[in-house]
Structure formats: C-alpha cells, structure tokens
Amino acid sequence: MLKKYWKKIGMLILIIACVFNVMCKLVNKVSLNKEMLDSAQYIFSQENENVKNNT
C-alpha cells in the first residue's frame, strides 16, 4: 500500500515543510521600523563617540 502512495506522501511532507519554513520566517521577521530606529541610534552613538574623541 505504501508503494502506491509514496509520491503523494512525499509531496505532502514537502509542502508541510515549506509552509512551516515560511511561517517561521514571517514570525521571526524584524520590522523595518525597528531596524531603522536601531540603525539610527547606532549611527548617532558612533558620531557622539567621534566628537568626544576629537575634542
């Protein structure tokens, strides 16, 4: 019986794995707004350090 359905079972497992992979990536995605704020804070802190070091 397994011989008859092995392709369908394999495709089902593959589809479930792909859906699970996409869902994990969507759940763990960092928002663009948070990423931009973190980048701006990092650049601001680096500029402040440069000003302190130059004076």
Protein backbone atom coordinates (compact mmCIF):
# COMPACT_ATOMS: atom_id res chain seq x y z
CA MET A 1 0.00 0.00 0.00
CA LEU A 2 2.86 2.38 0.79
CA LYS A 3 4.26 1.67 -2.67
CA LYS A 4 1.14 3.06 -4.26
CA TYR A 5 1.05 6.36 -2.34
CA TRP A 6 4.74 7.18 -1.74
CA LYS A 7 4.77 10.12 -4.19
CA LYS A 8 1.70 11.72 -2.62
CA ILE A 9 3.08 11.23 0.89
CA GLY A 10 6.42 12.73 -0.15
CA MET A 11 4.76 15.76 -1.72
CA LEU A 12 2.59 16.27 1.36
CA ILE A 13 5.66 16.20 3.62
CA LEU A 14 7.46 18.63 1.29
CA ILE A 15 4.53 21.07 1.24
CA ILE A 16 4.19 20.96 5.03
CA ALA A 17 7.94 21.60 5.43
CA CYS A 18 7.80 24.58 3.05
CA VAL A 19 4.78 26.10 4.80
CA PHE A 20 6.45 25.62 8.18
CA ASN A 21 9.64 27.29 6.91
CA VAL A 22 7.76 30.31 5.52
CA MET A 23 5.70 30.71 8.71
CA CYS A 24 8.83 30.63 10.89
CA LYS A 25 10.45 33.32 8.75
CA LEU A 26 7.35 35.53 8.94
CA VAL A 27 7.01 35.15 12.70
CA ASN A 28 10.67 35.92 13.42
CA LYS A 29 10.90 38.84 10.97
CA VAL A 30 12.13 42.11 12.49
CA SER A 31 10.01 45.07 11.47
CA LEU A 32 11.56 47.65 9.17
CA ASN A 33 10.69 50.46 11.59
CA LYS A 34 12.59 48.79 14.46
CA GLU A 35 15.56 48.05 12.20
CA MET A 36 15.74 51.70 11.06
CA LEU A 37 15.49 53.01 14.64
CA ASP A 38 18.28 50.69 15.79
CA SER A 39 20.47 51.78 12.87
CA ALA A 40 19.84 55.47 13.57
CA GLN A 41 20.69 55.02 17.26
CA TYR A 42 23.90 53.19 16.37
CA ILE A 43 24.99 55.92 13.92
CA PHE A 44 24.13 58.64 16.46
CA SER A 45 26.17 56.92 19.19
CA GLN A 46 29.13 56.47 16.80
CA GLU A 47 29.04 60.17 15.88
CA ASN A 48 28.95 61.14 19.54
CA GLU A 49 31.97 58.95 20.28
CA ASN A 50 33.85 60.51 17.36
CA VAL A 51 33.07 64.04 18.63
CA LYS A 52 34.23 63.14 22.14
CA ASN A 53 37.44 61.58 20.83
CA ASN A 54 38.28 64.57 18.62
CA THR A 55 37.89 67.16 21.38
